[in-house]
């Protein structure tokens, strides 16, 4: 497959780093994405919660202004939590937030690890 003038390899698109086609004036903004380290940290938490039986499914959405990782107890339900990355809020409240199913912001912050620690604390306990 050959790329004609103006075509880019799909792996060249990166969101939010300020480089590449989105940095050019008049170009359409690229989507916000998770970095490899961020996604690894999120999937690590997801794996622990799946192993404990709390979570069963996930979805990832990339928008122009934010990236969202949603976790579900069952596939047919609304997400239990949404882990959102919004770079526009990075200097104010922090780019990271955890939002519950009701829309309540559980935790906001500048660092992903601190925000995810809040979900590590939340666990279902079986009472017999």
Protein backbone atom coordinates (compact mmCIF):
# COMPACT_ATOMS: atom_id res chain seq x y z
CA UNK A 1 0.00 0.00 0.00
CA UNK A 2 1.40 3.36 -0.91
CA UNK A 3 0.53 6.64 0.73
CA UNK A 4 -0.20 9.55 -1.57
CA UNK A 5 0.78 13.11 -0.82
CA UNK A 6 -1.20 14.32 2.19
CA UNK A 7 -2.02 10.85 3.49
CA UNK A 8 -0.66 9.90 6.88
CA UNK A 9 -0.01 6.55 8.44
CA UNK A 10 -2.74 5.96 11.09
CA UNK A 11 -0.10 5.25 13.74
CA UNK A 12 1.28 8.77 13.27
CA UNK A 13 -1.72 10.45 14.88
CA UNK A 14 -1.21 11.33 18.52
CA UNK A 15 -3.62 13.32 20.58
CA UNK A 16 -2.78 16.11 22.94
CA UNK A 17 1.01 16.21 22.55
CA UNK A 18 1.03 19.42 20.52
CA UNK A 19 3.01 17.88 17.65
CA UNK A 20 1.95 16.54 14.31
CA UNK A 21 -0.87 17.59 12.03
CA UNK A 22 -3.03 19.04 14.83
CA UNK A 23 -0.35 21.62 15.71
CA UNK A 24 -0.61 23.30 12.30
CA UNK A 25 -2.76 26.42 12.08
CA UNK A 26 -6.10 25.72 10.45
CA UNK A 27 -5.78 21.96 10.93
CA UNK A 28 -8.55 20.06 12.66
CA UNK A 29 -7.67 19.20 16.27
CA UNK A 30 -6.62 15.63 16.97
CA UNK A 31 -8.46 13.47 19.44
CA UNK A 32 -7.34 13.21 23.05
CA UNK A 33 -5.93 9.76 23.79
CA UNK A 34 -4.38 7.86 26.66
CA UNK A 35 -0.63 7.35 26.61
CA UNK A 36 0.72 3.83 26.90
CA UNK A 37 1.69 4.36 30.56
CA UNK A 38 -1.73 5.81 31.43
CA UNK A 39 -3.60 2.99 29.73
CA UNK A 40 -1.35 0.41 31.38
CA UNK A 41 -2.11 1.86 34.82
CA UNK A 42 -5.87 1.95 34.11
CA UNK A 43 -5.91 -1.61 32.76
CA UNK A 44 -3.93 -2.79 35.80
CA UNK A 45 -6.68 -1.49 38.08
CA UNK A 46 -9.31 -2.94 35.74
CA UNK A 47 -7.64 -6.37 35.87
CA UNK A 48 -7.61 -6.38 39.68
CA UNK A 49 -11.29 -5.45 39.81
CA UNK A 50 -12.20 -8.13 37.25
CA UNK A 51 -10.27 -10.73 39.26
CA UNK A 52 -12.22 -9.75 42.38
CA UNK A 53 -15.51 -10.04 40.45
CA UNK A 54 -16.53 -6.37 40.74
CA UNK A 55 -16.15 -5.28 37.12
CA UNK A 56 -16.85 -7.23 33.94
CA UNK A 57 -16.56 -4.98 30.90
CA UNK A 58 -15.07 -1.71 29.71
CA UNK A 59 -15.31 0.78 26.87
CA UNK A 60 -12.87 3.41 25.63
CA UNK A 61 -14.03 6.58 23.88
CA UNK A 62 -11.79 9.21 22.29
CA UNK A 63 -13.28 12.65 21.71
CA UNK A 64 -11.77 15.92 20.53
CA UNK A 65 -11.75 17.34 24.05
CA UNK A 66 -11.42 14.26 26.30
CA UNK A 67 -10.70 10.55 26.51
CA UNK A 68 -12.99 8.31 28.56
CA UNK A 69 -12.46 4.82 30.00
CA UNK A 70 -15.81 3.44 31.23
CA UNK A 71 -16.16 0.36 33.45
CA UNK A 72 -19.28 -1.77 33.73
CA UNK A 73 -20.60 -4.38 36.13
CA UNK A 74 -22.73 -5.80 33.30
CA UNK A 75 -22.53 -4.96 29.62
CA UNK A 76 -26.15 -3.83 29.38
CA UNK A 77 -25.93 -1.31 32.23
CA UNK A 78 -24.69 2.26 32.42
CA UNK A 79 -21.03 2.51 33.43
CA UNK A 80 -20.25 2.22 37.13
CA UNK A 81 -17.39 4.68 36.76
CA UNK A 82 -15.85 6.80 34.03
CA UNK A 83 -12.18 7.68 34.15
CA UNK A 84 -11.84 10.87 32.13
CA UNK A 85 -8.80 12.71 30.81
CA UNK A 86 -9.51 16.34 29.85
CA UNK A 87 -6.30 18.29 29.04
CA UNK A 88 -8.14 21.64 29.01
CA UNK A 89 -8.66 21.32 32.79
CA UNK A 90 -5.01 20.39 33.48
CA UNK A 91 -3.98 23.78 34.85
CA UNK A 92 -7.12 24.33 36.91
CA UNK A 93 -8.64 21.31 38.65
CA UNK A 94 -6.47 18.66 37.02
CA UNK A 95 -6.85 16.71 33.81
CA UNK A 96 -8.08 13.54 35.53
CA UNK A 97 -11.43 12.78 37.09
CA UNK A 98 -13.44 9.75 38.17
CA UNK A 99 -17.19 10.11 37.66
CA UNK A 100 -19.77 7.73 39.17
CA UNK A 101 -22.86 6.35 37.41
CA UNK A 102 -24.99 9.13 38.89
CA UNK A 103 -22.70 11.84 37.53
CA UNK A 104 -21.07 12.60 40.88
CA UNK A 105 -17.38 13.47 40.56
CA UNK A 106 -15.69 11.01 42.92
CA UNK A 107 -12.16 12.41 42.56
CA UNK A 108 -10.34 15.04 40.50
CA UNK A 109 -6.63 15.63 40.26
CA UNK A 110 -3.48 16.38 38.34
CA UNK A 111 -2.01 12.86 38.71
CA UNK A 112 -3.61 9.68 37.40
CA UNK A 113 -2.27 7.48 40.20
CA UNK A 114 -3.87 9.61 42.92
CA UNK A 115 -7.21 9.64 41.14
CA UNK A 116 -7.18 5.87 40.59
CA UNK A 117 -6.34 5.24 44.25
CA UNK A 118 -9.87 6.36 45.04
CA UNK A 119 -11.23 3.43 42.98
CA UNK A 120 -8.82 1.03 44.69
CA UNK A 121 -10.45 1.98 48.00
CA UNK A 122 -13.97 1.37 46.70
CA UNK A 123 -14.82 -2.30 46.90
CA UNK A 124 -17.88 -4.41 47.39
CA UNK A 125 -17.94 -6.52 50.50
CA UNK A 126 -19.99 -9.71 50.74
CA UNK A 127 -21.94 -9.86 53.99
CA UNK A 128 -23.28 -13.26 54.99
